[in-house]
Amino acid sequence: MKVMHRISEKEFASLCRGIRLDAESIVEHNPIGTREVTLLWMLLGVLINYLSLSELETPCFTGTPDSATYRDAIAYIVTARRSEPFDVAPYLDEMTSDAD
């Protein structure tokens, strides 16, 4: 029996905060697209590992994903695995903001 890992708002906020704090290093070492796309890509990867998603649960993309694609995938994963209702959008906005 597979255990379904859940994520709380506090845990999600902490992951977003950590990525934001390391944003410059993440973008420098992973130049896959815009700053926003790179940070969202990193968060998606972290969530896949953090929540122990199987290959069947991991989002698949056709074409080149953009920031909206990553935001939708993150929201979908978190909505299915959150331990209490919360909105991911404000955390994603803060994480990808250019302001320091």
C-alpha atoms as a PDB file:
ATOM      1  CA  MET A   1       0.000   0.000   0.000  1.00  0.00           C
ATOM      2  CA  LYS A   2       1.444   3.335  -1.085  1.00  0.00           C
ATOM      3  CA  VAL A   3       1.369   6.116   1.493  1.00  0.00           C
ATOM      4  CA  MET A   4       0.107   9.434   0.115  1.00  0.00           C
ATOM      5  CA  HIS A   5       2.326  12.217   1.370  1.00  0.00           C
ATOM      6  CA  ARG A   6       0.577  15.501   2.110  1.00  0.00           C
ATOM      7  CA  ILE A   7       1.825  19.082   2.291  1.00  0.00           C
ATOM      8  CA  SER A   8       0.715  21.825   4.659  1.00  0.00           C
ATOM      9  CA  GLU A   9       0.540  25.500   3.829  1.00  0.00           C
ATOM     10  CA  LYS A  10       3.473  26.099   6.186  1.00  0.00           C
ATOM     11  CA  GLU A  11       5.593  23.480   4.394  1.00  0.00           C
ATOM     12  CA  PHE A  12       4.679  24.851   0.960  1.00  0.00           C
ATOM     13  CA  ALA A  13       5.474  28.401   2.064  1.00  0.00           C
ATOM     14  CA  SER A  14       8.834  27.222   3.393  1.00  0.00           C
ATOM     15  CA  LEU A  15       9.728  25.524   0.101  1.00  0.00           C
ATOM     16  CA  CYS A  16       8.808  28.667  -1.861  1.00  0.00           C
ATOM     17  CA  ARG A  17      10.762  30.856   0.560  1.00  0.00           C
ATOM     18  CA  GLY A  18      13.846  28.638   0.267  1.00  0.00           C
ATOM     19  CA  ILE A  19      13.757  28.746  -3.519  1.00  0.00           C
ATOM     20  CA  ARG A  20      13.340  32.521  -3.429  1.00  0.00           C
ATOM     21  CA  LEU A  21      16.345  32.861  -1.106  1.00  0.00           C
ATOM     22  CA  ASP A  22      18.466  30.760  -3.483  1.00  0.00           C
ATOM     23  CA  ALA A  23      16.931  32.189  -6.668  1.00  0.00           C
ATOM     24  CA  GLU A  24      20.075  33.774  -8.079  1.00  0.00           C
ATOM     25  CA  SER A  25      22.093  30.584  -7.698  1.00  0.00           C
ATOM     26  CA  ILE A  26      19.259  28.445  -9.072  1.00  0.00           C
ATOM     27  CA  VAL A  27      18.885  30.649 -12.154  1.00  0.00           C
ATOM     28  CA  GLU A  28      22.643  30.868 -12.694  1.00  0.00           C
ATOM     29  CA  HIS A  29      23.109  27.087 -12.597  1.00  0.00           C
ATOM     30  CA  ASN A  30      19.912  26.141 -14.458  1.00  0.00           C
ATOM     31  CA  PRO A  31      19.476  28.523 -17.401  1.00  0.00           C
ATOM     32  CA  ILE A  32      16.454  26.707 -18.839  1.00  0.00           C
ATOM     33  CA  GLY A  33      14.348  29.774 -19.588  1.00  0.00           C
ATOM     34  CA  THR A  34      13.183  32.955 -17.927  1.00  0.00           C
ATOM     35  CA  ARG A  35      13.811  33.511 -14.239  1.00  0.00           C
ATOM     36  CA  GLU A  36      10.167  32.740 -13.460  1.00  0.00           C
ATOM     37  CA  VAL A  37      10.145  29.523 -15.504  1.00  0.00           C
ATOM     38  CA  THR A  38      13.381  28.352 -13.891  1.00  0.00           C
ATOM     39  CA  LEU A  39      12.121  28.933 -10.336  1.00  0.00           C
ATOM     40  CA  LEU A  40       8.763  27.281 -11.047  1.00  0.00           C
ATOM     41  CA  TRP A  41      10.572  24.341 -12.694  1.00  0.00           C
ATOM     42  CA  MET A  42      12.709  23.982  -9.569  1.00  0.00           C
ATOM     43  CA  LEU A  43       9.671  24.072  -7.270  1.00  0.00           C
ATOM     44  CA  LEU A  44       7.895  21.459  -9.367  1.00  0.00           C
ATOM     45  CA  GLY A  45      10.935  19.186  -9.102  1.00  0.00           C
ATOM     46  CA  VAL A  46      11.130  19.709  -5.352  1.00  0.00           C
ATOM     47  CA  LEU A  47       7.424  18.923  -4.943  1.00  0.00           C
ATOM     48  CA  ILE A  48       7.728  15.748  -7.001  1.00  0.00           C
ATOM     49  CA  ASN A  49      10.478  14.539  -4.674  1.00  0.00           C
ATOM     50  CA  TYR A  50       9.028  15.957  -1.446  1.00  0.00           C
ATOM     51  CA  LEU A  51       5.660  14.310  -2.045  1.00  0.00           C
ATOM     52  CA  SER A  52       7.218  11.116  -3.442  1.00  0.00           C
ATOM     53  CA  LEU A  53       5.142  11.259  -6.618  1.00  0.00           C
ATOM     54  CA  SER A  54       5.314   8.245  -8.890  1.00  0.00           C
ATOM     55  CA  GLU A  55       5.894   8.538 -12.630  1.00  0.00           C
ATOM     56  CA  LEU A  56       2.145   8.154 -13.117  1.00  0.00           C
ATOM     57  CA  GLU A  57       1.463  11.106 -10.789  1.00  0.00           C
ATOM     58  CA  THR A  58       4.118  13.374 -12.298  1.00  0.00           C
ATOM     59  CA  PRO A  59       2.817  15.935 -14.817  1.00  0.00           C
ATOM     60  CA  CYS A  60       3.828  15.465 -18.455  1.00  0.00           C
ATOM     61  CA  PHE A  61       4.102  18.389 -20.830  1.00  0.00           C
ATOM     62  CA  THR A  62       3.808  18.614 -24.584  1.00  0.00           C
ATOM     63  CA  GLY A  63       5.910  21.257 -26.261  1.00  0.00           C
ATOM     64  CA  THR A  64       7.888  23.784 -24.266  1.00  0.00           C
ATOM     65  CA  PRO A  65       6.260  24.566 -20.906  1.00  0.00           C
ATOM     66  CA  ASP A  66       5.880  28.204 -19.926  1.00  0.00           C
ATOM     67  CA  SER A  67       5.269  29.792 -16.540  1.00  0.00           C
ATOM     68  CA  ALA A  68       1.495  29.244 -16.787  1.00  0.00           C
ATOM     69  CA  THR A  69       2.051  25.548 -17.512  1.00  0.00           C
ATOM     70  CA  TYR A  70       4.291  25.180 -14.451  1.00  0.00           C
ATOM     71  CA  ARG A  71       1.906  27.182 -12.243  1.00  0.00           C
ATOM     72  CA  ASP A  72      -1.004  24.972 -13.304  1.00  0.00           C
ATOM     73  CA  ALA A  73       0.994  21.786 -12.672  1.00  0.00           C
ATOM     74  CA  ILE A  74       2.103  22.983  -9.225  1.00  0.00           C
ATOM     75  CA  ALA A  75      -1.445  24.011  -8.284  1.00  0.00           C
ATOM     76  CA  TYR A  76      -2.782  20.647  -9.474  1.00  0.00           C
ATOM     77  CA  ILE A  77      -0.240  18.664  -7.447  1.00  0.00           C
ATOM     78  CA  VAL A  78      -0.642  20.740  -4.300  1.00  0.00           C
ATOM     79  CA  THR A  79      -4.451  20.757  -4.475  1.00  0.00           C
ATOM     80  CA  ALA A  80      -4.450  16.963  -4.593  1.00  0.00           C
ATOM     81  CA  ARG A  81      -1.924  16.642  -1.757  1.00  0.00           C
ATOM     82  CA  ARG A  82      -2.526  19.563   0.609  1.00  0.00           C
ATOM     83  CA  SER A  83      -3.363  18.782   4.217  1.00  0.00           C
ATOM     84  CA  GLU A  84      -5.646  21.833   4.479  1.00  0.00           C
ATOM     85  CA  PRO A  85      -7.114  24.193   1.874  1.00  0.00           C
ATOM     86  CA  PHE A  86      -4.870  27.085   0.810  1.00  0.00           C
ATOM     87  CA  ASP A  87      -4.129  29.069  -2.338  1.00  0.00           C
ATOM     88  CA  VAL A  88      -0.710  28.494  -3.911  1.00  0.00           C
ATOM     89  CA  ALA A  89      -0.857  31.608  -6.139  1.00  0.00           C
ATOM     90  CA  PRO A  90       0.342  34.194  -3.580  1.00  0.00           C
ATOM     91  CA  TYR A  91       3.330  32.010  -2.707  1.00  0.00           C
ATOM     92  CA  LEU A  92       4.222  31.499  -6.358  1.00  0.00           C
ATOM     93  CA  ASP A  93       3.888  35.235  -7.020  1.00  0.00           C
ATOM     94  CA  GLU A  94       6.165  36.079  -4.107  1.00  0.00           C
ATOM     95  CA  MET A  95       8.683  33.382  -5.025  1.00  0.00           C
ATOM     96  CA  THR A  96       8.989  34.582  -8.627  1.00  0.00           C
ATOM     97  CA  SER A  97       8.914  38.304  -7.871  1.00  0.00           C
ATOM     98  CA  ASP A  98      12.013  40.207  -8.994  1.00  0.00           C
ATOM     99  CA  ALA A  99      11.991  42.334  -5.829  1.00  0.00           C
ATOM    100  CA  ASP A 100      14.620  41.477  -3.243  1.00  0.00           C
END
